[in-house]
PDB file of N, CA and C in Angstrom:
ATOM      1  N   MET A   1     -26.468 182.324 318.110  1.00  0.00           N
ATOM      2  CA  MET A   1     -27.890 182.340 317.748  1.00  0.00           C
ATOM      3  C   MET A   1     -28.437 180.626 317.516  1.00  0.00           C
ATOM      4  N   ASN A   2     -29.437 180.552 318.439  1.00  0.00           N
ATOM      5  CA  ASN A   2     -29.970 178.976 318.224  1.00  0.00           C
ATOM      6  C   ASN A   2     -30.826 178.783 317.199  1.00  0.00           C
ATOM      7  N   LYS A   3     -31.215 177.667 317.036  1.00  0.00           N
ATOM      8  CA  LYS A   3     -32.157 177.148 315.967  1.00  0.00           C
ATOM      9  C   LYS A   3     -33.389 178.124 315.929  1.00  0.00           C
ATOM     10  N   ILE A   4     -33.921 177.866 316.810  1.00  0.00           N
ATOM     11  CA  ILE A   4     -35.329 178.871 317.207  1.00  0.00           C
ATOM     12  C   ILE A   4     -35.102 180.240 316.432  1.00  0.00           C
ATOM     13  N   GLU A   5     -34.058 180.795 317.091  1.00  0.00           N
ATOM     14  CA  GLU A   5     -34.022 182.341 316.548  1.00  0.00           C
ATOM     15  C   GLU A   5     -33.716 182.506 315.331  1.00  0.00           C
ATOM     16  N   LYS A   6     -32.659 181.563 314.621  1.00  0.00           N
ATOM     17  CA  LYS A   6     -32.567 181.605 313.219  1.00  0.00           C
ATOM     18  C   LYS A   6     -34.246 181.394 312.323  1.00  0.00           C
ATOM     19  N   LEU A   7     -34.739 180.433 312.586  1.00  0.00           N
ATOM     20  CA  LEU A   7     -35.810 180.062 311.905  1.00  0.00           C
ATOM     21  C   LEU A   7     -36.958 181.722 311.969  1.00  0.00           C
ATOM     22  N   LEU A   8     -36.915 182.076 313.505  1.00  0.00           N
ATOM     23  CA  LEU A   8     -37.730 183.407 313.256  1.00  0.00           C
ATOM     24  C   LEU A   8     -37.554 184.566 312.590  1.00  0.00           C
ATOM     25  N   ARG A   9     -35.898 184.514 312.710  1.00  0.00           N
ATOM     26  CA  ARG A   9     -35.552 185.574 311.761  1.00  0.00           C
ATOM     27  C   ARG A   9     -36.056 185.375 310.170  1.00  0.00           C
ATOM     28  N   LYS A  10     -35.888 184.201 309.823  1.00  0.00           N
ATOM     29  CA  LYS A  10     -36.051 183.804 308.205  1.00  0.00           C
ATOM     30  C   LYS A  10     -37.792 184.163 307.819  1.00  0.00           C
ATOM     31  N   ILE A  11     -38.378 183.816 308.553  1.00  0.00           N
ATOM     32  CA  ILE A  11     -39.621 183.542 308.209  1.00  0.00           C
ATOM     33  C   ILE A  11     -40.368 184.957 308.333  1.00  0.00           C
ATOM     34  N   SER A  12     -41.668 184.874 307.501  1.00  0.00           N
ATOM     35  CA  SER A  12     -42.453 186.288 307.206  1.00  0.00           C
ATOM     36  C   SER A  12     -42.764 186.675 308.748  1.00  0.00           C
ATOM     37  N   GLN A  13     -43.177 188.100 308.530  1.00  0.00           N
ATOM     38  CA  GLN A  13     -43.368 188.901 309.749  1.00  0.00           C
ATOM     39  C   GLN A  13     -44.993 188.074 310.772  1.00  0.00           C
ATOM     40  N   LYS A  14     -45.677 187.931 309.478  1.00  0.00           N
ATOM     41  CA  LYS A  14     -47.211 187.239 309.951  1.00  0.00           C
ATOM     42  C   LYS A  14     -47.019 185.991 310.668  1.00  0.00           C
ATOM     43  N   ASP A  15     -45.991 185.186 309.960  1.00  0.00           N
ATOM     44  CA  ASP A  15     -45.518 183.959 310.755  1.00  0.00           C
ATOM     45  C   ASP A  15     -45.228 184.164 312.066  1.00  0.00           C
ATOM     46  N   ARG A  16     -44.195 184.952 312.150  1.00  0.00           N
ATOM     47  CA  ARG A  16     -43.458 185.104 313.120  1.00  0.00           C
ATOM     48  C   ARG A  16     -44.076 185.771 314.414  1.00  0.00           C
ATOM     49  N   GLN A  17     -45.202 186.528 314.091  1.00  0.00           N
ATOM     50  CA  GLN A  17     -46.052 187.140 315.205  1.00  0.00           C
ATOM     51  C   GLN A  17     -46.774 185.893 315.783  1.00  0.00           C
ATOM     52  N   ARG A  18     -47.348 185.028 314.586  1.00  0.00           N
ATOM     53  CA  ARG A  18     -48.282 184.074 315.211  1.00  0.00           C
ATOM     54  C   ARG A  18     -47.904 183.165 315.951  1.00  0.00           C
ATOM     55  N   LEU A  19     -46.347 182.612 315.741  1.00  0.00           N
ATOM     56  CA  LEU A  19     -45.763 181.630 316.534  1.00  0.00           C
ATOM     57  C   LEU A  19     -45.366 182.426 317.925  1.00  0.00           C
ATOM     58  N   LEU A  20     -45.151 183.598 317.625  1.00  0.00           N
ATOM     59  CA  LEU A  20     -44.622 184.260 319.133  1.00  0.00           C
ATOM     60  C   LEU A  20     -45.885 184.431 320.050  1.00  0.00           C
ATOM     61  N   HIS A  21     -46.837 184.618 319.626  1.00  0.00           N
ATOM     62  CA  HIS A  21     -48.282 184.724 320.105  1.00  0.00           C
ATOM     63  C   HIS A  21     -48.601 183.370 320.623  1.00  0.00           C
ATOM     64  N   LEU A  22     -48.684 182.171 319.818  1.00  0.00           N
ATOM     65  CA  LEU A  22     -48.878 180.914 320.728  1.00  0.00           C
ATOM     66  C   LEU A  22     -47.961 180.745 321.560  1.00  0.00           C
ATOM     67  N   ILE A  23     -46.765 181.063 321.492  1.00  0.00           N
ATOM     68  CA  ILE A  23     -45.973 180.375 322.526  1.00  0.00           C
ATOM     69  C   ILE A  23     -46.074 181.092 323.781  1.00  0.00           C
ATOM     70  N   GLU A  24     -46.366 182.499 323.678  1.00  0.00           N
ATOM     71  CA  GLU A  24     -47.238 183.485 325.000  1.00  0.00           C
ATOM     72  C   GLU A  24     -48.161 182.685 325.392  1.00  0.00           C
ATOM     73  N   LEU A  25     -49.443 182.174 324.745  1.00  0.00           N
ATOM     74  CA  LEU A  25     -50.490 181.552 325.234  1.00  0.00           C
ATOM     75  C   LEU A  25     -49.992 180.452 326.036  1.00  0.00           C
ATOM     76  N   LEU A  26     -49.188 179.689 325.416  1.00  0.00           N
ATOM     77  CA  LEU A  26     -48.794 178.235 325.941  1.00  0.00           C
ATOM     78  C   LEU A  26     -48.088 178.644 327.537  1.00  0.00           C
ATOM     79  N   ILE A  27     -47.131 179.360 327.196  1.00  0.00           N
ATOM     80  CA  ILE A  27     -46.301 179.969 328.490  1.00  0.00           C
ATOM     81  C   ILE A  27     -47.214 180.243 329.803  1.00  0.00           C
ATOM     82  N   SER A  28     -48.716 181.097 329.379  1.00  0.00           N
ATOM     83  CA  SER A  28     -49.293 181.528 330.060  1.00  0.00           C
ATOM     84  C   SER A  28     -50.389 180.398 330.669  1.00  0.00           C
ATOM     85  N   ARG A  29     -50.292 179.086 329.796  1.00  0.00           N
ATOM     86  CA  ARG A  29     -51.086 178.201 330.279  1.00  0.00           C
ATOM     87  C   ARG A  29     -52.794 178.298 329.598  1.00  0.00           C
ATOM     88  N   LYS A  30     -52.968 179.130 328.611  1.00  0.00           N
ATOM     89  CA  LYS A  30     -54.006 179.707 328.074  1.00  0.00           C
ATOM     90  C   LYS A  30     -54.302 178.745 326.856  1.00  0.00           C
ATOM     91  N   LYS A  31     -54.243 177.613 326.945  1.00  0.00           N
ATOM     92  CA  LYS A  31     -54.120 176.556 325.728  1.00  0.00           C
ATOM     93  C   LYS A  31     -55.457 175.774 325.591  1.00  0.00           C
ATOM     94  N   ASN A  32     -56.628 176.607 325.700  1.00  0.00           N
ATOM     95  CA  ASN A  32     -58.006 175.735 325.416  1.00  0.00           C
ATOM     96  C   ASN A  32     -58.044 175.463 324.032  1.00  0.00           C
ATOM     97  N   ASN A  33     -57.743 176.297 323.149  1.00  0.00           N
ATOM     98  CA  ASN A  33     -57.993 176.290 321.754  1.00  0.00           C
ATOM     99  C   ASN A  33     -56.875 176.090 320.993  1.00  0.00           C
ATOM    100  N   LEU A  34     -55.897 175.489 321.583  1.00  0.00           N
ATOM    101  CA  LEU A  34     -54.394 175.399 320.855  1.00  0.00           C
ATOM    102  C   LEU A  34     -54.729 173.860 320.412  1.00  0.00           C
ATOM    103  N   ASN A  35     -54.055 173.487 319.272  1.00  0.00           N
ATOM    104  CA  ASN A  35     -53.718 172.211 318.827  1.00  0.00           C
ATOM    105  C   ASN A  35     -52.975 171.603 319.585  1.00  0.00           C
ATOM    106  N   ILE A  36     -52.650 170.858 320.718  1.00  0.00           N
ATOM    107  CA  ILE A  36     -51.759 170.381 321.264  1.00  0.00           C
ATOM    108  C   ILE A  36     -52.006 168.692 321.413  1.00  0.00           C
ATOM    109  N   SER A  37     -50.734 167.806 320.936  1.00  0.00           N
ATOM    110  CA  SER A  37     -50.829 166.685 321.688  1.00  0.00           C
ATOM    111  C   SER A  37     -49.648 166.199 322.153  1.00  0.00           C
ATOM    112  N   LYS A  38     -49.620 164.941 322.586  1.00  0.00           N
ATOM    113  CA  LYS A  38     -48.404 164.440 323.157  1.00  0.00           C
ATOM    114  C   LYS A  38     -47.455 163.598 321.975  1.00  0.00           C
ATOM    115  N   ILE A  39     -46.451 163.601 321.873  1.00  0.00           N
ATOM    116  CA  ILE A  39     -45.790 162.839 320.937  1.00  0.00           C
ATOM    117  C   ILE A  39     -45.481 161.402 321.550  1.00  0.00           C
ATOM    118  N   LYS A  40     -45.690 160.321 320.551  1.00  0.00           N
ATOM    119  CA  LYS A  40     -45.876 158.820 321.134  1.00  0.00           C
ATOM    120  C   LYS A  40     -44.304 158.480 321.806  1.00  0.00           C
ATOM    121  N   ASN A  41     -44.286 158.015 322.905  1.00  0.00           N
ATOM    122  CA  ASN A  41     -43.342 157.380 323.263  1.00  0.00           C
ATOM    123  C   ASN A  41     -42.253 158.355 323.741  1.00  0.00           C
ATOM    124  N   THR A  42     -42.776 159.579 324.368  1.00  0.00           N
ATOM    125  CA  THR A  42     -41.419 160.719 324.469  1.00  0.00           C
ATOM    126  C   THR A  42     -42.780 161.307 325.859  1.00  0.00           C
ATOM    127  N   ASP A  43     -41.673 162.171 326.383  1.00  0.00           N
ATOM    128  CA  ASP A  43     -42.469 163.375 327.221  1.00  0.00           C
ATOM    129  C   ASP A  43     -42.309 164.451 326.869  1.00  0.00           C
ATOM    130  N   PHE A  44     -42.399 164.700 325.404  1.00  0.00           N
ATOM    131  CA  PHE A  44     -42.858 165.868 324.595  1.00  0.00           C
ATOM    132  C   PHE A  44     -44.136 166.030 323.835  1.00  0.00           C
ATOM    133  N   PHE A  45     -44.539 167.299 323.532  1.00  0.00           N
ATOM    134  CA  PHE A  45     -45.580 167.728 323.272  1.00  0.00           C
ATOM    135  C   PHE A  45     -45.440 168.384 322.051  1.00  0.00           C
ATOM    136  N   ARG A  46     -46.643 168.550 321.235  1.00  0.00           N
ATOM    137  CA  ARG A  46     -46.240 169.492 320.031  1.00  0.00           C
ATOM    138  C   ARG A  46     -47.619 170.068 319.771  1.00  0.00           C
ATOM    139  N   LEU A  47     -47.329 171.541 319.317  1.00  0.00           N
ATOM    140  CA  LEU A  47     -48.507 172.302 318.990  1.00  0.00           C
ATOM    141  C   LEU A  47     -48.434 172.771 317.725  1.00  0.00           C
ATOM    142  N   LYS A  48     -49.485 172.529 316.975  1.00  0.00           N
ATOM    143  CA  LYS A  48     -49.552 172.685 315.547  1.00  0.00           C
ATOM    144  C   LYS A  48     -49.929 174.266 314.930  1.00  0.00           C
ATOM    145  N   SER A  49     -49.229 174.742 314.278  1.00  0.00           N
ATOM    146  CA  SER A  49     -49.725 176.040 313.628  1.00  0.00           C
ATOM    147  C   SER A  49     -49.632 176.265 312.115  1.00  0.00           C
ATOM    148  N   GLY A  50     -50.634 175.707 311.222  1.00  0.00           N
ATOM    149  CA  GLY A  50     -50.404 176.078 309.879  1.00  0.00           C
ATOM    150  C   GLY A  50     -49.117 175.068 309.206  1.00  0.00           C
ATOM    151  N   ARG A  51     -48.223 175.633 309.099  1.00  0.00           N
ATOM    152  CA  ARG A  51     -46.904 174.665 308.450  1.00  0.00           C
ATOM    153  C   ARG A  51     -46.005 174.102 309.689  1.00  0.00           C
ATOM    154  N   TYR A  52     -46.004 175.580 310.600  1.00  0.00           N
ATOM    155  CA  TYR A  52     -45.268 174.973 311.816  1.00  0.00           C
ATOM    156  C   TYR A  52     -45.675 174.075 312.855  1.00  0.00           C
ATOM    157  N   ARG A  53     -44.800 173.639 313.490  1.00  0.00           N
ATOM    158  CA  ARG A  53     -44.936 172.444 314.622  1.00  0.00           C
ATOM    159  C   ARG A  53     -43.811 173.284 315.893  1.00  0.00           C
ATOM    160  N   ILE A  54     -44.173 173.675 317.135  1.00  0.00           N
ATOM    161  CA  ILE A  54     -43.801 174.009 318.105  1.00  0.00           C
ATOM    162  C   ILE A  54     -43.585 172.708 318.987  1.00  0.00           C
ATOM    163  N   ILE A  55     -42.077 172.046 319.200  1.00  0.00           N
ATOM    164  CA  ILE A  55     -42.308 171.225 319.965  1.00  0.00           C
ATOM    165  C   ILE A  55     -41.760 171.535 321.368  1.00  0.00           C
ATOM    166  N   PHE A  56     -42.361 171.007 322.515  1.00  0.00           N
ATOM    167  CA  PHE A  56     -42.057 171.470 323.892  1.00  0.00           C
ATOM    168  C   PHE A  56     -41.946 170.315 324.766  1.00  0.00           C
ATOM    169  N   HIS A  57     -41.713 170.442 326.112  1.00  0.00           N
ATOM    170  CA  HIS A  57     -41.939 169.561 327.032  1.00  0.00           C
ATOM    171  C   HIS A  57     -42.047 170.592 328.727  1.00  0.00           C
ATOM    172  N   TYR A  58     -42.978 169.808 329.657  1.00  0.00           N
ATOM    173  CA  TYR A  58     -42.718 170.542 330.764  1.00  0.00           C
ATOM    174  C   TYR A  58     -41.720 170.067 331.879  1.00  0.00           C
ATOM    175  N   GLN A  59     -41.075 171.113 332.376  1.00  0.00           N
ATOM    176  CA  GLN A  59     -40.116 170.571 333.655  1.00  0.00           C
ATOM    177  C   GLN A  59     -40.190 171.508 334.453  1.00  0.00           C
ATOM    178  N   ASN A  60     -40.766 170.935 336.006  1.00  0.00           N
ATOM    179  CA  ASN A  60     -41.016 171.642 337.018  1.00  0.00           C
ATOM    180  C   ASN A  60     -42.014 172.722 336.855  1.00  0.00           C
ATOM    181  N   LYS A  61     -43.025 172.370 336.211  1.00  0.00           N
ATOM    182  CA  LYS A  61     -44.172 173.139 336.073  1.00  0.00           C
ATOM    183  C   LYS A  61     -43.771 174.172 335.130  1.00  0.00           C
ATOM    184  N   GLU A  62     -42.759 174.101 334.301  1.00  0.00           N
ATOM    185  CA  GLU A  62     -42.297 175.401 333.313  1.00  0.00           C
ATOM    186  C   GLU A  62     -42.337 174.643 331.762  1.00  0.00           C
ATOM    187  N   VAL A  63     -43.135 175.741 330.896  1.00  0.00           N
ATOM    188  CA  VAL A  63     -42.994 175.030 329.259  1.00  0.00           C
ATOM    189  C   VAL A  63     -41.502 175.425 329.118  1.00  0.00           C
ATOM    190  N   ILE A  64     -40.768 174.310 328.575  1.00  0.00           N
ATOM    191  CA  ILE A  64     -39.617 174.481 328.006  1.00  0.00           C
ATOM    192  C   ILE A  64     -39.539 174.434 326.267  1.00  0.00           C
ATOM    193  N   ILE A  65     -39.563 175.394 325.686  1.00  0.00           N
ATOM    194  CA  ILE A  65     -39.784 175.222 324.245  1.00  0.00           C
ATOM    195  C   ILE A  65     -38.562 174.456 323.624  1.00  0.00           C
ATOM    196  N   ASP A  66     -38.504 173.393 322.940  1.00  0.00           N
ATOM    197  CA  ASP A  66     -37.181 172.820 322.360  1.00  0.00           C
ATOM    198  C   ASP A  66     -37.006 172.597 321.023  1.00  0.00           C
ATOM    199  N   ALA A  67     -38.283 173.038 320.166  1.00  0.00           N
ATOM    200  CA  ALA A  67     -37.956 173.552 318.500  1.00  0.00           C
ATOM    201  C   ALA A  67     -39.126 173.890 318.138  1.00  0.00           C
ATOM    202  N   ILE A  68     -38.965 174.907 317.005  1.00  0.00           N
ATOM    203  CA  ILE A  68     -39.931 175.069 316.369  1.00  0.00           C
ATOM    204  C   ILE A  68     -39.285 174.549 314.494  1.00  0.00           C
ATOM    205  N   LYS A  69     -40.169 173.672 313.811  1.00  0.00           N
ATOM    206  CA  LYS A  69     -39.942 173.056 312.830  1.00  0.00           C
ATOM    207  C   LYS A  69     -40.989 173.198 311.727  1.00  0.00           C
ATOM    208  N   LEU A  70     -40.588 173.216 310.607  1.00  0.00           N
ATOM    209  CA  LEU A  70     -41.808 173.052 309.524  1.00  0.00           C
ATOM    210  C   LEU A  70     -42.351 171.592 309.341  1.00  0.00           C
ATOM    211  N   ARG A  71     -43.277 171.297 309.173  1.00  0.00           N
ATOM    212  CA  ARG A  71     -44.180 170.169 308.898  1.00  0.00           C
ATOM    213  C   ARG A  71     -42.958 169.292 308.098  1.00  0.00           C
ATOM    214  N   GLY A  72     -42.981 167.988 308.077  1.00  0.00           N
ATOM    215  CA  GLY A  72     -42.315 167.128 307.413  1.00  0.00           C
ATOM    216  C   GLY A  72     -41.996 165.896 308.044  1.00  0.00           C
ATOM    217  N   LYS A  73     -41.676 165.023 307.348  1.00  0.00           N
ATOM    218  CA  LYS A  73     -41.150 163.613 307.776  1.00  0.00           C
ATOM    219  C   LYS A  73     -40.539 163.529 308.917  1.00  0.00           C
ATOM    220  N   ASP A  74     -39.512 164.546 308.809  1.00  0.00           N
ATOM    221  CA  ASP A  74     -38.626 164.293 310.075  1.00  0.00           C
ATOM    222  C   ASP A  74     -38.489 165.399 311.164  1.00  0.00           C
ATOM    223  N   THR A  75     -39.991 165.891 310.876  1.00  0.00           N
ATOM    224  CA  THR A  75     -40.169 166.842 312.028  1.00  0.00           C
ATOM    225  C   THR A  75     -39.909 166.279 313.633  1.00  0.00           C
ATOM    226  N   TYR A  76     -40.415 165.090 313.773  1.00  0.00           N
ATOM    227  CA  TYR A  76     -40.435 164.478 315.150  1.00  0.00           C
ATOM    228  C   TYR A  76     -39.410 163.465 315.379  1.00  0.00           C
ATOM    229  N   SER A  77     -38.418 163.223 314.504  1.00  0.00           N
ATOM    230  CA  SER A  77     -37.083 162.402 314.487  1.00  0.00           C
ATOM    231  C   SER A  77     -36.461 162.324 315.549  1.00  0.00           C
ATOM    232  N   ASN A  78     -36.279 163.272 316.132  1.00  0.00           N
ATOM    233  CA  ASN A  78     -35.065 163.568 317.344  1.00  0.00           C
ATOM    234  C   ASN A  78     -35.728 163.409 318.408  1.00  0.00           C
ATOM    235  N   PHE A  79     -37.007 163.327 318.814  1.00  0.00           N
ATOM    236  CA  PHE A  79     -37.980 163.291 319.987  1.00  0.00           C
ATOM    237  C   PHE A  79     -38.425 162.107 320.279  1.00  0.00           C
TER     238      PHE A  79
END
């Protein structure tokens, strides 16, 4: 089990559904109203949703989800 699956099992049903919905929108490229920003000095992007951050990048026109993390000072330290 990877870290994303582990986090999704631990969080509430409401948060899980919201994050999965946002991931579906991101993958389907319907990101008009999503809070997406590029992470400085990297090729990664972040999607903010409440307390959670979805870190992703694009590879060959596909969206690759790298991490889902709680916001904090170490959220972007590995990217």
